[in-house]
Amino acid sequence: MSGGEGASSCDQCPSGWATNGARQSCDACLPGKYEDEAEGDGQHTCAACPEKWASGGGLTSCSLCGEGE
């Protein structure tokens, strides 16, 4: 992401965060989502956890829910 118009460099978002649509800031992935890097293109987005998996938000992966959860 860039710091805005006229930026001289780009910065990496922290783990569990993804760039907004304008790529000017980083936002934490919300609960139920995780940071996902699209295969090969280096673009990081927040993707929904699959069924029976959960995330507290701001994470790079989801955890499998326990039996009965």
N, C-alpha and C. Protein backbone atom coordinates (compact mmCIF):
# COMPACT_ATOMS: atom_id res chain seq x y z
N MET A 1 0.84 -1.16 0.00
CA MET A 1 0.00 0.00 0.00
C MET A 1 0.88 1.22 0.00
N SER A 2 0.37 2.31 -0.48
CA SER A 2 1.13 3.56 -0.48
C SER A 2 0.55 4.48 0.57
N GLY A 3 1.34 5.43 0.99
CA GLY A 3 0.90 6.40 1.98
C GLY A 3 -0.01 7.45 1.39
N GLY A 4 -0.25 7.42 0.11
CA GLY A 4 -1.12 8.40 -0.54
C GLY A 4 -0.47 8.98 -1.77
N GLU A 5 -1.09 9.98 -2.31
CA GLU A 5 -0.60 10.62 -3.53
C GLU A 5 0.81 11.16 -3.33
N GLY A 6 1.68 10.89 -4.27
CA GLY A 6 3.06 11.37 -4.20
C GLY A 6 3.97 10.51 -3.35
N ALA A 7 3.51 9.35 -2.92
CA ALA A 7 4.35 8.47 -2.09
C ALA A 7 5.57 8.02 -2.89
N SER A 8 6.70 7.91 -2.21
CA SER A 8 7.93 7.50 -2.90
C SER A 8 8.20 6.01 -2.78
N SER A 9 7.41 5.30 -1.98
CA SER A 9 7.58 3.85 -1.84
C SER A 9 6.28 3.21 -1.38
N CYS A 10 6.24 1.89 -1.43
CA CYS A 10 5.07 1.13 -0.97
C CYS A 10 5.47 0.35 0.27
N ASP A 11 4.52 0.16 1.16
CA ASP A 11 4.75 -0.59 2.39
C ASP A 11 3.90 -1.84 2.41
N GLN A 12 4.40 -2.89 3.03
CA GLN A 12 3.68 -4.14 3.18
C GLN A 12 2.69 -4.00 4.34
N CYS A 13 1.49 -4.53 4.17
CA CYS A 13 0.54 -4.55 5.28
C CYS A 13 0.98 -5.61 6.29
N PRO A 14 0.67 -5.41 7.58
CA PRO A 14 1.01 -6.43 8.57
C PRO A 14 0.23 -7.72 8.32
N SER A 15 0.71 -8.83 8.85
CA SER A 15 0.01 -10.11 8.73
C SER A 15 -1.39 -9.98 9.31
N GLY A 16 -2.37 -10.56 8.60
CA GLY A 16 -3.76 -10.50 9.04
C GLY A 16 -4.49 -9.24 8.60
N TRP A 17 -3.83 -8.41 7.81
CA TRP A 17 -4.40 -7.17 7.30
C TRP A 17 -4.33 -7.21 5.78
N ALA A 18 -5.16 -6.42 5.11
CA ALA A 18 -5.16 -6.35 3.65
C ALA A 18 -5.39 -4.90 3.24
N THR A 19 -5.01 -4.57 2.02
CA THR A 19 -5.19 -3.20 1.55
C THR A 19 -6.64 -2.93 1.23
N ASN A 20 -7.01 -1.67 1.37
CA ASN A 20 -8.36 -1.27 0.97
C ASN A 20 -8.38 -1.20 -0.56
N GLY A 21 -9.53 -0.96 -1.15
CA GLY A 21 -9.67 -0.96 -2.60
C GLY A 21 -8.75 0.01 -3.31
N ALA A 22 -8.47 1.15 -2.68
CA ALA A 22 -7.59 2.16 -3.29
C ALA A 22 -6.12 1.89 -3.02
N ARG A 23 -5.85 0.85 -2.22
CA ARG A 23 -4.48 0.49 -1.84
C ARG A 23 -3.73 1.65 -1.18
N GLN A 24 -4.46 2.43 -0.38
CA GLN A 24 -3.84 3.54 0.33
C GLN A 24 -3.72 3.29 1.82
N SER A 25 -4.38 2.25 2.32
CA SER A 25 -4.26 1.93 3.74
C SER A 25 -4.46 0.43 3.93
N CYS A 26 -4.10 -0.03 5.10
CA CYS A 26 -4.29 -1.43 5.45
C CYS A 26 -5.41 -1.52 6.48
N ASP A 27 -6.25 -2.53 6.35
CA ASP A 27 -7.34 -2.75 7.28
C ASP A 27 -7.26 -4.18 7.80
N ALA A 28 -7.50 -4.37 9.09
CA ALA A 28 -7.50 -5.71 9.67
C ALA A 28 -8.65 -6.52 9.10
N CYS A 29 -8.40 -7.78 8.83
CA CYS A 29 -9.48 -8.66 8.38
C CYS A 29 -10.46 -8.83 9.55
N LEU A 30 -11.74 -8.77 9.24
CA LEU A 30 -12.78 -8.85 10.26
C LEU A 30 -12.94 -10.27 10.78
N PRO A 31 -13.56 -10.45 11.96
CA PRO A 31 -13.83 -11.81 12.45
C PRO A 31 -14.59 -12.61 11.39
N GLY A 32 -14.22 -13.88 11.25
CA GLY A 32 -14.82 -14.74 10.23
C GLY A 32 -14.08 -14.69 8.91
N LYS A 33 -13.03 -13.86 8.84
CA LYS A 33 -12.21 -13.74 7.63
C LYS A 33 -10.73 -13.84 8.00
N TYR A 34 -9.90 -14.09 6.99
CA TYR A 34 -8.46 -14.20 7.21
C TYR A 34 -7.75 -13.58 6.01
N GLU A 35 -6.48 -13.21 6.20
CA GLU A 35 -5.69 -12.65 5.11
C GLU A 35 -5.34 -13.77 4.13
N ASP A 36 -5.67 -13.56 2.88
CA ASP A 36 -5.45 -14.56 1.84
C ASP A 36 -4.69 -13.90 0.69
N GLU A 37 -3.59 -14.52 0.27
CA GLU A 37 -2.85 -14.02 -0.88
C GLU A 37 -3.30 -14.79 -2.11
N ALA A 38 -3.85 -14.06 -3.08
CA ALA A 38 -4.28 -14.70 -4.32
C ALA A 38 -3.08 -15.38 -4.96
N GLU A 39 -3.29 -16.55 -5.46
CA GLU A 39 -2.21 -17.38 -5.98
C GLU A 39 -1.39 -16.67 -7.04
N GLY A 40 -0.13 -16.40 -6.68
CA GLY A 40 0.83 -15.89 -7.65
C GLY A 40 0.80 -14.41 -7.95
N ASP A 41 -0.28 -13.68 -7.62
CA ASP A 41 -0.30 -12.27 -8.02
C ASP A 41 0.13 -11.32 -6.91
N GLY A 42 0.37 -11.84 -5.70
CA GLY A 42 0.85 -11.01 -4.61
C GLY A 42 -0.19 -10.09 -4.00
N GLN A 43 -1.43 -10.16 -4.44
CA GLN A 43 -2.47 -9.30 -3.91
C GLN A 43 -3.09 -9.96 -2.67
N HIS A 44 -3.12 -9.24 -1.58
CA HIS A 44 -3.65 -9.75 -0.33
C HIS A 44 -5.07 -9.23 -0.13
N THR A 45 -5.99 -10.14 0.19
CA THR A 45 -7.37 -9.77 0.45
C THR A 45 -7.83 -10.49 1.71
N CYS A 46 -8.98 -10.10 2.23
CA CYS A 46 -9.58 -10.80 3.35
C CYS A 46 -10.62 -11.76 2.79
N ALA A 47 -10.43 -13.04 3.01
CA ALA A 47 -11.33 -14.07 2.50
C ALA A 47 -12.11 -14.68 3.65
N ALA A 48 -13.32 -15.14 3.36
CA ALA A 48 -14.17 -15.77 4.37
C ALA A 48 -13.62 -17.14 4.75
N CYS A 49 -13.71 -17.47 6.04
CA CYS A 49 -13.33 -18.81 6.49
C CYS A 49 -14.32 -19.82 5.92
N PRO A 50 -13.85 -21.02 5.59
CA PRO A 50 -14.76 -22.06 5.10
C PRO A 50 -15.72 -22.50 6.21
N GLU A 51 -16.78 -23.19 5.82
CA GLU A 51 -17.75 -23.71 6.78
C GLU A 51 -17.04 -24.57 7.83
N LYS A 52 -17.43 -24.43 9.06
CA LYS A 52 -16.89 -25.15 10.22
C LYS A 52 -15.50 -24.68 10.63
N TRP A 53 -15.09 -23.53 10.12
CA TRP A 53 -13.83 -22.89 10.50
C TRP A 53 -14.15 -21.48 10.99
N ALA A 54 -13.28 -20.90 11.83
CA ALA A 54 -13.53 -19.56 12.38
C ALA A 54 -12.23 -18.79 12.55
N SER A 55 -12.36 -17.48 12.62
CA SER A 55 -11.21 -16.59 12.85
C SER A 55 -11.69 -15.43 13.71
N GLY A 56 -10.86 -15.03 14.65
CA GLY A 56 -11.19 -13.89 15.50
C GLY A 56 -10.97 -12.56 14.82
N GLY A 57 -10.42 -12.57 13.60
CA GLY A 57 -10.12 -11.33 12.88
C GLY A 57 -8.67 -10.94 13.04
N GLY A 58 -8.12 -10.26 12.03
CA GLY A 58 -6.73 -9.83 12.07
C GLY A 58 -5.75 -10.99 12.02
N LEU A 59 -6.18 -12.11 11.42
CA LEU A 59 -5.34 -13.31 11.38
C LEU A 59 -5.05 -13.75 9.95
N THR A 60 -4.08 -14.65 9.80
CA THR A 60 -3.70 -15.16 8.49
C THR A 60 -4.26 -16.55 8.22
N SER A 61 -5.03 -17.08 9.15
CA SER A 61 -5.63 -18.39 8.95
C SER A 61 -6.89 -18.53 9.80
N CYS A 62 -7.65 -19.57 9.53
CA CYS A 62 -8.84 -19.90 10.30
C CYS A 62 -8.54 -21.16 11.11
N SER A 63 -9.28 -21.34 12.18
CA SER A 63 -9.14 -22.53 13.02
C SER A 63 -10.38 -23.40 12.89
N LEU A 64 -10.17 -24.69 12.87
CA LEU A 64 -11.28 -25.63 12.79
C LEU A 64 -12.08 -25.57 14.08
N CYS A 65 -13.39 -25.44 13.98
CA CYS A 65 -14.26 -25.42 15.16
C CYS A 65 -14.30 -26.82 15.77
N GLY A 66 -14.43 -26.87 17.09
CA GLY A 66 -14.52 -28.14 17.79
C GLY A 66 -15.88 -28.78 17.57
N GLU A 67 -15.99 -30.02 17.95
CA GLU A 67 -17.24 -30.74 17.79
C GLU A 67 -18.33 -30.04 18.58
N GLY A 68 -19.47 -29.80 17.97
CA GLY A 68 -20.59 -29.13 18.62
C GLY A 68 -20.52 -27.62 18.59
N GLU A 69 -19.46 -27.04 18.01
CA GLU A 69 -19.31 -25.58 17.92
C GLU A 69 -19.78 -25.08 16.58
